[in-house]
Amino acid sequence: MRAKWWCLSALTLAACEPRAGTVSAVSRGSSEAHAPALPATRVKPVAPPSGSAAEPLELGNTTSASARAIRYEAVEPTEDDPDGEKAGVFAKRGGSTFTVQEPWPSVRCLSVFLESDLDGDGLIDALIESSACSSYVPSTYFFVAGTMGDCFAAQELESGVNLTVETWRGRPTAVLESNNEGYNQDRPRSVTRWFAFQRGRAVVVDEQRAVEVGALANLRSEQFDFAKPDQEKVLLFDLDGDGKKDALAGTLWQRWGRIMWQVRFADGRVSDSGNSGGCKRLGVLAEKTMGYRDLVCDFDARIQWNGRSYVPRAPK
């Protein structure tokens, strides 16, 4: 995780320093840190940090009558300001306006995701979203701590496909899901991090990574030649137990680095109903349904025989 602190001048540097007593980012799950519309099945939600159930959090803004109320505004470039010299994120407090200091990826497509007192110091904080103006690029999120000083600085959290805020142990906690979806053939990665807010900082308090279900054999996108997306790769395996090897055949979907696949049985039958999405990994499991081996897509998305074809198992 990278925390960036930027100030307008040396005179405001002290105001932008992390506050005394800031807790370093740690993982509660172990003694050390672990080394767009998605086209395929999603990883099932992971459990909240151990020790306490998480609940959705309803966060409201302070009233305008509060002397310590702070409001945040994201300003886009306009026709009169095409270069965005007056654009950015601004904090408004007591009739004064302050520029939130952060080298945003772009001053375009910034938005205020949430305003609330997240760290419990009586000042309104903000979560800022930078969408990069693209549905193909995950949003990046930033935390801005409210202050009575003149320097508002943003701390970068992570990029992710989904951010929610919930109550954990009586305090607001941001839950951010991240993955490596995109124009690549890398093995899928999915990580969920929980951020608590302490003394003006967002701190990682837990992290969970999706783990693959073990398979007897796998067909992976990394096995394909990226320069030859129409080239077919085949994994041979006896799926129906007739003693003859069937073919799990696929081609590469370049845009997402995923396999578009079908099952061709040794007796000539074909099942391609799994192609509503694609898989980075298509595996054969030891378990059977109606006498046919179950398949797995990516981490643990089960695909089962329904008597006519292979179809994704409905979420429980």
C-alpha atoms as a PDB file:
ATOM      1  CA  MET A   1       0.000   0.000   0.000  1.00  0.00           C
ATOM      2  CA  ARG A   2       1.279   3.472  -0.798  1.00  0.00           C
ATOM      3  CA  ALA A   3       0.394   6.477   1.302  1.00  0.00           C
ATOM      4  CA  LYS A   4       1.143   9.787  -0.426  1.00  0.00           C
ATOM      5  CA  TRP A   5       1.167  13.102   1.412  1.00  0.00           C
ATOM      6  CA  TRP A   6       1.525  16.297  -0.570  1.00  0.00           C
ATOM      7  CA  CYS A   7       1.483  19.903   0.632  1.00  0.00           C
ATOM      8  CA  LEU A   8       1.460  23.283  -1.047  1.00  0.00           C
ATOM      9  CA  SER A   9       4.691  24.503   0.528  1.00  0.00           C
ATOM     10  CA  ALA A  10       7.203  23.835   3.262  1.00  0.00           C
ATOM     11  CA  LEU A  11       5.159  26.092   5.528  1.00  0.00           C
ATOM     12  CA  THR A  12       2.255  23.627   5.477  1.00  0.00           C
ATOM     13  CA  LEU A  13       4.381  20.463   5.666  1.00  0.00           C
ATOM     14  CA  ALA A  14       3.839  19.964   9.389  1.00  0.00           C
ATOM     15  CA  ALA A  15       0.079  20.129   8.981  1.00  0.00           C
ATOM     16  CA  CYS A  16       0.195  17.304   6.440  1.00  0.00           C
ATOM     17  CA  GLU A  17       2.376  14.920   8.421  1.00  0.00           C
ATOM     18  CA  PRO A  18       0.632  11.782   9.755  1.00  0.00           C
ATOM     19  CA  ARG A  19      -0.719  12.533  13.200  1.00  0.00           C
ATOM     20  CA  ALA A  20       1.174  11.333  16.263  1.00  0.00           C
ATOM     21  CA  GLY A  21       0.458   7.771  17.235  1.00  0.00           C
ATOM     22  CA  THR A  22      -0.499   6.631  13.742  1.00  0.00           C
ATOM     23  CA  VAL A  23      -0.686   2.833  13.599  1.00  0.00           C
ATOM     24  CA  SER A  24       1.233   1.083  10.813  1.00  0.00           C
ATOM     25  CA  ALA A  25      -0.639  -1.080   8.332  1.00  0.00           C
ATOM     26  CA  VAL A  26      -0.750  -4.659   9.615  1.00  0.00           C
ATOM     27  CA  SER A  27      -2.653  -7.849   8.885  1.00  0.00           C
ATOM     28  CA  ARG A  28      -4.659  -9.375  11.700  1.00  0.00           C
ATOM     29  CA  GLY A  29      -4.751 -12.724   9.944  1.00  0.00           C
ATOM     30  CA  SER A  30      -1.035 -13.462  10.305  1.00  0.00           C
ATOM     31  CA  SER A  31       2.163 -12.105  11.761  1.00  0.00           C
ATOM     32  CA  GLU A  32       3.139 -10.443   8.469  1.00  0.00           C
ATOM     33  CA  ALA A  33       1.562  -9.175   5.259  1.00  0.00           C
ATOM     34  CA  HIS A  34       0.646 -11.727   2.581  1.00  0.00           C
ATOM     35  CA  ALA A  35       2.890 -12.012  -0.370  1.00  0.00           C
ATOM     36  CA  PRO A  36     -15.592  -3.948 -15.290  1.00  0.00           C
ATOM     37  CA  ALA A  37     -18.395  -5.915 -15.408  1.00  0.00           C
ATOM     38  CA  LEU A  38     -16.555  -9.160 -15.016  1.00  0.00           C
ATOM     39  CA  PRO A  39     -16.939 -11.621 -17.849  1.00  0.00           C
ATOM     40  CA  ALA A  40     -16.871 -14.710 -15.655  1.00  0.00           C
ATOM     41  CA  THR A  41     -18.137 -16.051 -12.365  1.00  0.00           C
ATOM     42  CA  ARG A  42     -17.381 -13.949  -9.303  1.00  0.00           C
ATOM     43  CA  VAL A  43     -15.585 -15.154  -6.214  1.00  0.00           C
ATOM     44  CA  LYS A  44     -17.974 -15.728  -3.339  1.00  0.00           C
ATOM     45  CA  PRO A  45     -17.845 -13.062  -0.608  1.00  0.00           C
ATOM     46  CA  VAL A  46     -15.204 -13.690   2.029  1.00  0.00           C
ATOM     47  CA  ALA A  47     -15.867 -13.544   5.739  1.00  0.00           C
ATOM     48  CA  PRO A  48     -15.367 -10.308   7.678  1.00  0.00           C
ATOM     49  CA  PRO A  49     -12.409  -9.958  10.060  1.00  0.00           C
ATOM     50  CA  SER A  50     -12.476 -12.724  12.640  1.00  0.00           C
ATOM     51  CA  GLY A  51     -13.947 -12.086  16.042  1.00  0.00           C
ATOM     52  CA  SER A  52     -16.956  -9.975  15.140  1.00  0.00           C
ATOM     53  CA  ALA A  53     -19.730  -9.952  12.567  1.00  0.00           C
ATOM     54  CA  ALA A  54     -19.850  -6.980  10.239  1.00  0.00           C
ATOM     55  CA  GLU A  55     -23.039  -5.065   9.505  1.00  0.00           C
ATOM     56  CA  PRO A  56     -23.884  -2.506   6.800  1.00  0.00           C
ATOM     57  CA  LEU A  57     -23.180   0.970   8.045  1.00  0.00           C
ATOM     58  CA  GLU A  58     -25.542   3.880   7.528  1.00  0.00           C
ATOM     59  CA  LEU A  59     -23.436   7.016   7.507  1.00  0.00           C
ATOM     60  CA  GLY A  60     -24.874  10.493   7.418  1.00  0.00           C
ATOM     61  CA  ASN A  61     -23.421  13.957   7.028  1.00  0.00           C
ATOM     62  CA  THR A  62     -23.220  16.413   9.887  1.00  0.00           C
ATOM     63  CA  THR A  63     -25.731  19.223   9.911  1.00  0.00           C
ATOM     64  CA  SER A  64     -24.788  22.650   8.641  1.00  0.00           C
ATOM     65  CA  ALA A  65     -25.244  23.952  12.191  1.00  0.00           C
ATOM     66  CA  SER A  66     -22.191  21.985  13.349  1.00  0.00           C
ATOM     67  CA  ALA A  67     -19.172  24.261  13.860  1.00  0.00           C
ATOM     68  CA  ARG A  68     -16.870  21.402  12.876  1.00  0.00           C
ATOM     69  CA  ALA A  69     -18.803  20.360   9.769  1.00  0.00           C
ATOM     70  CA  ILE A  70     -16.744  19.886   6.607  1.00  0.00           C
ATOM     71  CA  ARG A  71     -18.111  19.287   3.128  1.00  0.00           C
ATOM     72  CA  TYR A  72     -16.207  17.914   0.160  1.00  0.00           C
ATOM     73  CA  GLU A  73     -16.702  18.650  -3.533  1.00  0.00           C
ATOM     74  CA  ALA A  74     -15.210  17.155  -6.690  1.00  0.00           C
ATOM     75  CA  VAL A  75     -14.974  19.698  -9.527  1.00  0.00           C
ATOM     76  CA  GLU A  76     -14.608  18.546 -13.153  1.00  0.00           C
ATOM     77  CA  PRO A  77     -12.886  20.487 -15.949  1.00  0.00           C
ATOM     78  CA  THR A  78     -15.278  22.668 -17.895  1.00  0.00           C
ATOM     79  CA  GLU A  79     -15.379  24.374 -21.296  1.00  0.00           C
ATOM     80  CA  ASP A  80     -13.998  27.479 -19.602  1.00  0.00           C
ATOM     81  CA  ASP A  81     -11.339  25.402 -17.836  1.00  0.00           C
ATOM     82  CA  PRO A  82     -10.502  22.583 -20.300  1.00  0.00           C
ATOM     83  CA  ASP A  83      -7.087  21.895 -18.744  1.00  0.00           C
ATOM     84  CA  GLY A  84      -8.614  21.425 -15.304  1.00  0.00           C
ATOM     85  CA  GLU A  85      -6.585  24.138 -13.596  1.00  0.00           C
ATOM     86  CA  LYS A  86      -9.542  24.827 -11.322  1.00  0.00           C
ATOM     87  CA  ALA A  87     -10.603  21.185 -11.069  1.00  0.00           C
ATOM     88  CA  GLY A  88      -9.913  18.731  -8.270  1.00  0.00           C
ATOM     89  CA  VAL A  89     -11.284  17.898  -4.838  1.00  0.00           C
ATOM     90  CA  PHE A  90     -12.020  20.678  -2.362  1.00  0.00           C
ATOM     91  CA  ALA A  91     -12.854  20.751   1.340  1.00  0.00           C
ATOM     92  CA  LYS A  92     -15.191  23.472   2.573  1.00  0.00           C
ATOM     93  CA  ARG A  93     -15.195  24.472   6.234  1.00  0.00           C
ATOM     94  CA  GLY A  94     -16.559  27.575   7.947  1.00  0.00           C
ATOM     95  CA  GLY A  95     -16.764  29.630   4.765  1.00  0.00           C
ATOM     96  CA  SER A  96     -13.249  28.708   3.613  1.00  0.00           C
ATOM     97  CA  THR A  97     -12.298  26.385   0.753  1.00  0.00           C
ATOM     98  CA  PHE A  98      -9.163  24.230   0.766  1.00  0.00           C
ATOM     99  CA  THR A  99      -7.653  22.204  -2.078  1.00  0.00           C
ATOM    100  CA  VAL A 100      -7.176  18.544  -1.163  1.00  0.00           C
ATOM    101  CA  GLN A 101      -3.558  17.771  -1.977  1.00  0.00           C
ATOM    102  CA  GLU A 102      -3.002  14.563  -3.984  1.00  0.00           C
ATOM    103  CA  PRO A 103      -1.570  13.785  -7.444  1.00  0.00           C
ATOM    104  CA  TRP A 104      -4.818  12.301  -8.713  1.00  0.00           C
ATOM    105  CA  PRO A 105      -4.447  10.008 -11.747  1.00  0.00           C
ATOM    106  CA  SER A 106      -6.675  12.556 -13.457  1.00  0.00           C
ATOM    107  CA  VAL A 107      -8.771  15.512 -12.377  1.00  0.00           C
ATOM    108  CA  ARG A 108     -11.519  14.023 -14.498  1.00  0.00           C
ATOM    109  CA  CYS A 109     -13.998  11.468 -13.195  1.00  0.00           C
ATOM    110  CA  LEU A 110     -13.338  12.175  -9.517  1.00  0.00           C
ATOM    111  CA  SER A 111     -16.278  11.844  -7.148  1.00  0.00           C
ATOM    112  CA  VAL A 112     -17.022  12.025  -3.437  1.00  0.00           C
ATOM    113  CA  PHE A 113     -17.873   8.449  -2.521  1.00  0.00           C
ATOM    114  CA  LEU A 114     -18.714   9.139   1.136  1.00  0.00           C
ATOM    115  CA  GLU A 115     -18.670  11.937   3.711  1.00  0.00           C
ATOM    116  CA  SER A 116     -18.705  10.971   7.387  1.00  0.00           C
ATOM    117  CA  ASP A 117     -16.666  11.084  10.581  1.00  0.00           C
ATOM    118  CA  LEU A 118     -14.847   7.833   9.905  1.00  0.00           C
ATOM    119  CA  ASP A 119     -12.044   8.100  12.478  1.00  0.00           C
ATOM    120  CA  GLY A 120     -14.278   9.328  15.323  1.00  0.00           C
ATOM    121  CA  ASP A 121     -12.510  12.645  16.011  1.00  0.00           C
ATOM    122  CA  GLY A 122     -15.601  14.806  15.470  1.00  0.00           C
ATOM    123  CA  LEU A 123     -14.534  16.054  12.034  1.00  0.00           C
ATOM    124  CA  ILE A 124     -16.084  14.958   8.759  1.00  0.00           C
ATOM    125  CA  ASP A 125     -13.778  12.851   6.571  1.00  0.00           C
ATOM    126  CA  ALA A 126     -14.248  11.683   2.986  1.00  0.00           C
ATOM    127  CA  LEU A 127     -13.664   8.733   0.714  1.00  0.00           C
ATOM    128  CA  ILE A 128     -12.840   9.850  -2.842  1.00  0.00           C
ATOM    129  CA  GLU A 129     -13.227   7.675  -5.929  1.00  0.00           C
ATOM    130  CA  SER A 130     -11.193   8.091  -9.114  1.00  0.00           C
ATOM    131  CA  SER A 131     -12.818   6.020 -11.855  1.00  0.00           C
ATOM    132  CA  ALA A 132     -10.266   6.860 -14.594  1.00  0.00           C
ATOM    133  CA  CYS A 133     -13.284   7.526 -16.840  1.00  0.00           C
ATOM    134  CA  SER A 134     -13.314   3.871 -17.902  1.00  0.00           C
ATOM    135  CA  SER A 135     -15.382   0.812 -17.062  1.00  0.00           C
ATOM    136  CA  TYR A 136     -12.348  -1.331 -17.956  1.00  0.00           C
ATOM    137  CA  VAL A 137     -10.074   0.157 -15.284  1.00  0.00           C
ATOM    138  CA  PRO A 138     -10.739  -0.430 -11.558  1.00  0.00           C
ATOM    139  CA  SER A 139     -11.434   2.667  -9.508  1.00  0.00           C
ATOM    140  CA  THR A 140      -8.812   3.980  -7.104  1.00  0.00           C
ATOM    141  CA  TYR A 141      -9.946   5.125  -3.653  1.00  0.00           C
ATOM    142  CA  PHE A 142      -8.518   7.768  -1.337  1.00  0.00           C
ATOM    143  CA  PHE A 143      -9.141   8.736   2.288  1.00  0.00           C
ATOM    144  CA  VAL A 144      -9.190  12.403   3.267  1.00  0.00           C
ATOM    145  CA  ALA A 145      -9.104  13.136   6.992  1.00  0.00           C
ATOM    146  CA  GLY A 146     -10.973  16.167   8.230  1.00  0.00           C
ATOM    147  CA  THR A 147      -8.808  18.775   9.961  1.00  0.00           C
ATOM    148  CA  MET A 148      -9.097  22.202  11.531  1.00  0.00           C
ATOM    149  CA  GLY A 149      -5.812  23.132   9.841  1.00  0.00           C
ATOM    150  CA  ASP A 150      -5.230  24.542   6.372  1.00  0.00           C
ATOM    151  CA  CYS A 151      -3.834  21.415   4.685  1.00  0.00           C
ATOM    152  CA  PHE A 152      -6.090  18.575   3.590  1.00  0.00           C
ATOM    153  CA  ALA A 153      -4.159  15.595   2.225  1.00  0.00           C
ATOM    154  CA  ALA A 154      -5.399  12.369   0.644  1.00  0.00           C
ATOM    155  CA  GLN A 155      -4.109   8.909   1.478  1.00  0.00           C
ATOM    156  CA  GLU A 156      -4.330   6.405  -1.373  1.00  0.00           C
ATOM    157  CA  LEU A 157      -5.927   3.116  -0.324  1.00  0.00           C
ATOM    158  CA  GLU A 158      -5.958   0.710  -3.261  1.00  0.00           C
ATOM    159  CA  SER A 159      -7.586   0.151  -6.613  1.00  0.00           C
ATOM    160  CA  GLY A 160     -10.576  -2.137  -6.501  1.00  0.00           C
ATOM    161  CA  VAL A 161     -13.750  -3.353  -8.141  1.00  0.00           C
ATOM    162  CA  ASN A 162     -16.010  -2.882  -5.135  1.00  0.00           C
ATOM    163  CA  LEU A 163     -15.880  -0.706  -2.019  1.00  0.00           C
ATOM    164  CA  THR A 164     -18.369  -0.912   0.831  1.00  0.00           C
ATOM    165  CA  VAL A 165     -18.395   0.585   4.309  1.00  0.00           C
ATOM    166  CA  GLU A 166     -19.703  -1.448   7.225  1.00  0.00           C
ATOM    167  CA  THR A 167     -19.632  -1.505  11.005  1.00  0.00           C
ATOM    168  CA  TRP A 168     -17.012  -3.761  12.562  1.00  0.00           C
ATOM    169  CA  ARG A 169     -16.571  -3.785  16.330  1.00  0.00           C
ATOM    170  CA  GLY A 170     -18.627  -0.601  16.538  1.00  0.00           C
ATOM    171  CA  ARG A 171     -16.470   1.400  14.134  1.00  0.00           C
ATOM    172  CA  PRO A 172     -16.667   2.261  10.430  1.00  0.00           C
ATOM    173  CA  THR A 173     -14.605  -0.080   8.272  1.00  0.00           C
ATOM    174  CA  ALA A 174     -14.061   0.124   4.507  1.00  0.00           C
ATOM    175  CA  VAL A 175     -14.039  -3.198   2.665  1.00  0.00           C
ATOM    176  CA  LEU A 176     -12.265  -3.132  -0.694  1.00  0.00           C
ATOM    177  CA  GLU A 177     -12.215  -6.001  -3.181  1.00  0.00           C
ATOM    178  CA  SER A 178      -9.396  -6.020  -5.732  1.00  0.00           C
ATOM    179  CA  ASN A 179      -8.445  -8.351  -8.556  1.00  0.00           C
ATOM    180  CA  ASN A 180      -6.193  -8.504 -11.608  1.00  0.00           C
ATOM    181  CA  GLU A 181      -8.896  -8.589 -14.282  1.00  0.00           C
ATOM    182  CA  GLY A 182      -7.860  -7.116 -17.601  1.00  0.00           C
ATOM    183  CA  TYR A 183      -5.803  -7.512 -20.727  1.00  0.00           C
ATOM    184  CA  ASN A 184      -3.537 -10.266 -19.411  1.00  0.00           C
ATOM    185  CA  GLN A 185      -3.121 -14.028 -19.110  1.00  0.00           C
ATOM    186  CA  ASP A 186      -2.013 -13.983 -15.492  1.00  0.00           C
ATOM    187  CA  ARG A 187      -3.539 -16.424 -13.048  1.00  0.00           C
ATOM    188  CA  PRO A 188      -6.537 -14.829 -11.328  1.00  0.00           C
ATOM    189  CA  ARG A 189      -5.944 -13.010  -8.076  1.00  0.00           C
ATOM    190  CA  SER A 190      -8.593 -11.682  -5.726  1.00  0.00           C
ATOM    191  CA  VAL A 191      -7.947 -10.011  -2.386  1.00  0.00           C
ATOM    192  CA  THR A 192     -10.279  -8.336   0.089  1.00  0.00           C
ATOM    193  CA  ARG A 193      -8.857  -5.824   2.560  1.00  0.00           C
ATOM    194  CA  TRP A 194     -10.510  -4.214   5.582  1.00  0.00           C
ATOM    195  CA  PHE A 195      -9.474  -0.638   6.409  1.00  0.00           C
ATOM    196  CA  ALA A 196     -10.169   0.874   9.812  1.00  0.00           C
ATOM    197  CA  PHE A 197      -9.758   4.606  10.419  1.00  0.00           C
ATOM    198  CA  GLN A 198      -7.495   5.685  13.254  1.00  0.00           C
ATOM    199  CA  ARG A 199      -6.231   9.179  14.079  1.00  0.00           C
ATOM    200  CA  GLY A 200      -6.625  10.504  10.563  1.00  0.00           C
ATOM    201  CA  ARG A 201      -5.253   7.417   8.813  1.00  0.00           C
ATOM    202  CA  ALA A 202      -6.722   4.383   7.064  1.00  0.00           C
ATOM    203  CA  VAL A 203      -5.106   1.231   8.445  1.00  0.00           C
ATOM    204  CA  VAL A 204      -5.326  -2.313   7.059  1.00  0.00           C
ATOM    205  CA  VAL A 205      -6.703  -4.514   9.851  1.00  0.00           C
ATOM    206  CA  ASP A 206      -7.330  -7.683   7.868  1.00  0.00           C
ATOM    207  CA  GLU A 207      -6.685  -9.202   4.462  1.00  0.00           C
ATOM    208  CA  GLN A 208      -8.050 -12.328   2.802  1.00  0.00           C
ATOM    209  CA  ARG A 209      -7.032 -13.811  -0.544  1.00  0.00           C
ATOM    210  CA  ALA A 210      -9.091 -16.169  -2.679  1.00  0.00           C
ATOM    211  CA  VAL A 211      -7.575 -19.655  -2.969  1.00  0.00           C
ATOM    212  CA  GLU A 212      -8.070 -22.124  -5.806  1.00  0.00           C
ATOM    213  CA  VAL A 213      -9.943 -25.335  -5.195  1.00  0.00           C
ATOM    214  CA  GLY A 214      -7.620 -28.218  -6.071  1.00  0.00           C
ATOM    215  CA  ALA A 215      -8.338 -29.991  -9.376  1.00  0.00           C
ATOM    216  CA  LEU A 216      -7.251 -33.242 -11.030  1.00  0.00           C
ATOM    217  CA  ALA A 217      -6.282 -31.398 -14.233  1.00  0.00           C
ATOM    218  CA  ASN A 218      -6.410 -27.791 -15.424  1.00  0.00           C
ATOM    219  CA  LEU A 219      -6.628 -25.806 -18.642  1.00  0.00           C
ATOM    220  CA  ARG A 220      -5.223 -22.312 -18.037  1.00  0.00           C
ATOM    221  CA  SER A 221      -5.205 -19.144 -20.100  1.00  0.00           C
ATOM    222  CA  GLU A 222      -1.439 -18.872 -19.655  1.00  0.00           C
ATOM    223  CA  GLN A 223      -1.063 -21.953 -21.872  1.00  0.00           C
ATOM    224  CA  PHE A 224      -2.413 -20.076 -24.912  1.00  0.00           C
ATOM    225  CA  ASP A 225      -0.427 -18.073 -27.443  1.00  0.00           C
ATOM    226  CA  PHE A 226      -1.626 -14.495 -27.009  1.00  0.00           C
ATOM    227  CA  ALA A 227      -0.751 -13.713 -30.626  1.00  0.00           C
ATOM    228  CA  LYS A 228      -3.019 -16.544 -31.834  1.00  0.00           C
ATOM    229  CA  PRO A 229      -6.389 -16.078 -30.095  1.00  0.00           C
ATOM    230  CA  ASP A 230      -8.168 -18.430 -32.509  1.00  0.00           C
ATOM    231  CA  GLN A 231      -5.788 -21.277 -31.780  1.00  0.00           C
ATOM    232  CA  GLU A 232      -7.494 -24.054 -29.844  1.00  0.00           C
ATOM    233  CA  LYS A 233      -6.079 -25.802 -26.789  1.00  0.00           C
ATOM    234  CA  VAL A 234      -7.507 -29.118 -25.574  1.00  0.00           C
ATOM    235  CA  LEU A 235      -7.466 -30.872 -22.202  1.00  0.00           C
ATOM    236  CA  LEU A 236      -8.316 -34.572 -22.497  1.00  0.00           C
ATOM    237  CA  PHE A 237     -10.080 -36.254 -19.568  1.00  0.00           C
ATOM    238  CA  ASP A 238     -12.749 -38.920 -19.126  1.00  0.00           C
ATOM    239  CA  LEU A 239     -15.608 -36.840 -17.733  1.00  0.00           C
ATOM    240  CA  ASP A 240     -18.544 -39.271 -18.040  1.00  0.00           C
ATOM    241  CA  GLY A 241     -16.780 -42.434 -16.870  1.00  0.00           C
ATOM    242  CA  ASP A 242     -17.171 -44.411 -20.116  1.00  0.00           C
ATOM    243  CA  GLY A 243     -13.452 -45.146 -20.323  1.00  0.00           C
ATOM    244  CA  LYS A 244     -12.926 -42.740 -23.212  1.00  0.00           C
ATOM    245  CA  LYS A 245     -11.264 -39.358 -22.939  1.00  0.00           C
ATOM    246  CA  ASP A 246     -13.440 -36.352 -23.606  1.00  0.00           C
ATOM    247  CA  ALA A 247     -12.121 -32.961 -24.748  1.00  0.00           C
ATOM    248  CA  LEU A 248     -12.305 -29.676 -22.869  1.00  0.00           C
ATOM    249  CA  ALA A 249     -11.511 -27.379 -25.784  1.00  0.00           C
ATOM    250  CA  GLY A 250     -10.999 -23.622 -25.615  1.00  0.00           C
ATOM    251  CA  THR A 251      -9.841 -20.511 -27.416  1.00  0.00           C
ATOM    252  CA  LEU A 252      -8.479 -17.323 -25.876  1.00  0.00           C
ATOM    253  CA  TRP A 253     -10.655 -14.260 -25.307  1.00  0.00           C
ATOM    254  CA  GLN A 254      -7.872 -11.696 -25.630  1.00  0.00           C
ATOM    255  CA  ARG A 255      -9.631  -8.690 -24.090  1.00  0.00           C
ATOM    256  CA  TRP A 256      -9.901 -10.422 -20.717  1.00  0.00           C
ATOM    257  CA  GLY A 257      -7.281 -13.147 -21.124  1.00  0.00           C
ATOM    258  CA  ARG A 258      -9.976 -15.764 -20.543  1.00  0.00           C
ATOM    259  CA  ILE A 259     -10.848 -19.108 -22.088  1.00  0.00           C
ATOM    260  CA  MET A 260     -14.047 -19.520 -24.107  1.00  0.00           C
ATOM    261  CA  TRP A 261     -14.627 -23.251 -23.865  1.00  0.00           C
ATOM    262  CA  GLN A 262     -16.818 -26.215 -24.701  1.00  0.00           C
ATOM    263  CA  VAL A 263     -16.892 -29.898 -23.816  1.00  0.00           C
ATOM    264  CA  ARG A 264     -16.752 -32.355 -26.699  1.00  0.00           C
ATOM    265  CA  PHE A 265     -17.548 -35.883 -25.550  1.00  0.00           C
ATOM    266  CA  ALA A 266     -15.957 -38.931 -27.151  1.00  0.00           C
ATOM    267  CA  ASP A 267     -19.398 -40.042 -28.442  1.00  0.00           C
ATOM    268  CA  GLY A 268     -19.903 -36.794 -30.379  1.00  0.00           C
ATOM    269  CA  ARG A 269     -22.028 -34.801 -27.921  1.00  0.00           C
ATOM    270  CA  VAL A 270     -21.095 -31.169 -27.301  1.00  0.00           C
ATOM    271  CA  SER A 271     -21.807 -28.953 -24.297  1.00  0.00           C
ATOM    272  CA  ASP A 272     -21.035 -25.259 -24.578  1.00  0.00           C
ATOM    273  CA  SER A 273     -23.540 -23.688 -22.178  1.00  0.00           C
ATOM    274  CA  GLY A 274     -20.698 -22.597 -19.908  1.00  0.00           C
ATOM    275  CA  ASN A 275     -19.720 -19.919 -22.398  1.00  0.00           C
ATOM    276  CA  SER A 276     -21.826 -17.180 -20.875  1.00  0.00           C
ATOM    277  CA  GLY A 277     -18.456 -16.126 -19.460  1.00  0.00           C
ATOM    278  CA  GLY A 278     -14.873 -17.289 -19.592  1.00  0.00           C
ATOM    279  CA  CYS A 279     -12.345 -18.778 -17.216  1.00  0.00           C
ATOM    280  CA  LYS A 280      -8.707 -18.076 -16.463  1.00  0.00           C
ATOM    281  CA  ARG A 281      -8.588 -21.625 -15.136  1.00  0.00           C
ATOM    282  CA  LEU A 282     -10.915 -24.488 -16.114  1.00  0.00           C
ATOM    283  CA  GLY A 283     -10.330 -27.525 -13.926  1.00  0.00           C
ATOM    284  CA  VAL A 284     -11.666 -31.072 -13.556  1.00  0.00           C
ATOM    285  CA  LEU A 285     -12.721 -31.992 -10.016  1.00  0.00           C
ATOM    286  CA  ALA A 286     -12.835 -35.374  -8.321  1.00  0.00           C
ATOM    287  CA  GLU A 287     -16.506 -34.868  -7.355  1.00  0.00           C
ATOM    288  CA  LYS A 288     -19.264 -36.017  -9.683  1.00  0.00           C
ATOM    289  CA  THR A 289     -22.839 -34.966 -10.392  1.00  0.00           C
ATOM    290  CA  MET A 290     -25.134 -37.511 -12.087  1.00  0.00           C
ATOM    291  CA  GLY A 291     -22.045 -39.566 -12.942  1.00  0.00           C
ATOM    292  CA  TYR A 292     -20.137 -36.687 -14.626  1.00  0.00           C
ATOM    293  CA  ARG A 293     -17.072 -34.973 -13.223  1.00  0.00           C
ATOM    294  CA  ASP A 294     -17.688 -31.475 -11.869  1.00  0.00           C
ATOM    295  CA  LEU A 295     -15.705 -28.640 -13.402  1.00  0.00           C
ATOM    296  CA  VAL A 296     -14.358 -25.530 -11.699  1.00  0.00           C
ATOM    297  CA  CYS A 297     -13.878 -22.041 -13.122  1.00  0.00           C
ATOM    298  CA  ASP A 298     -11.193 -19.789 -11.640  1.00  0.00           C
ATOM    299  CA  PHE A 299     -11.041 -20.187  -7.852  1.00  0.00           C
ATOM    300  CA  ASP A 300     -14.097 -22.204  -6.843  1.00  0.00           C
ATOM    301  CA  ALA A 301     -17.009 -21.520  -9.215  1.00  0.00           C
ATOM    302  CA  ARG A 302     -18.536 -24.979  -9.696  1.00  0.00           C
ATOM    303  CA  ILE A 303     -19.858 -26.134 -13.100  1.00  0.00           C
ATOM    304  CA  GLN A 304     -22.001 -29.278 -13.037  1.00  0.00           C
ATOM    305  CA  TRP A 305     -23.760 -31.690 -15.370  1.00  0.00           C
ATOM    306  CA  ASN A 306     -27.550 -31.228 -15.339  1.00  0.00           C
ATOM    307  CA  GLY A 307     -28.448 -34.254 -17.454  1.00  0.00           C
ATOM    308  CA  ARG A 308     -28.048 -32.447 -20.781  1.00  0.00           C
ATOM    309  CA  SER A 309     -25.085 -30.088 -20.504  1.00  0.00           C
ATOM    310  CA  TYR A 310     -22.586 -28.447 -18.176  1.00  0.00           C
ATOM    311  CA  VAL A 311     -23.989 -25.377 -16.439  1.00  0.00           C
ATOM    312  CA  PRO A 312     -22.737 -23.124 -13.616  1.00  0.00           C
ATOM    313  CA  ARG A 313     -24.082 -24.187 -10.231  1.00  0.00           C
ATOM    314  CA  ALA A 314     -26.456 -21.620  -8.766  1.00  0.00           C
ATOM    315  CA  PRO A 315     -24.997 -19.716  -5.794  1.00  0.00           C
ATOM    316  CA  LYS A 316     -26.187 -20.989  -2.417  1.00  0.00           C
END
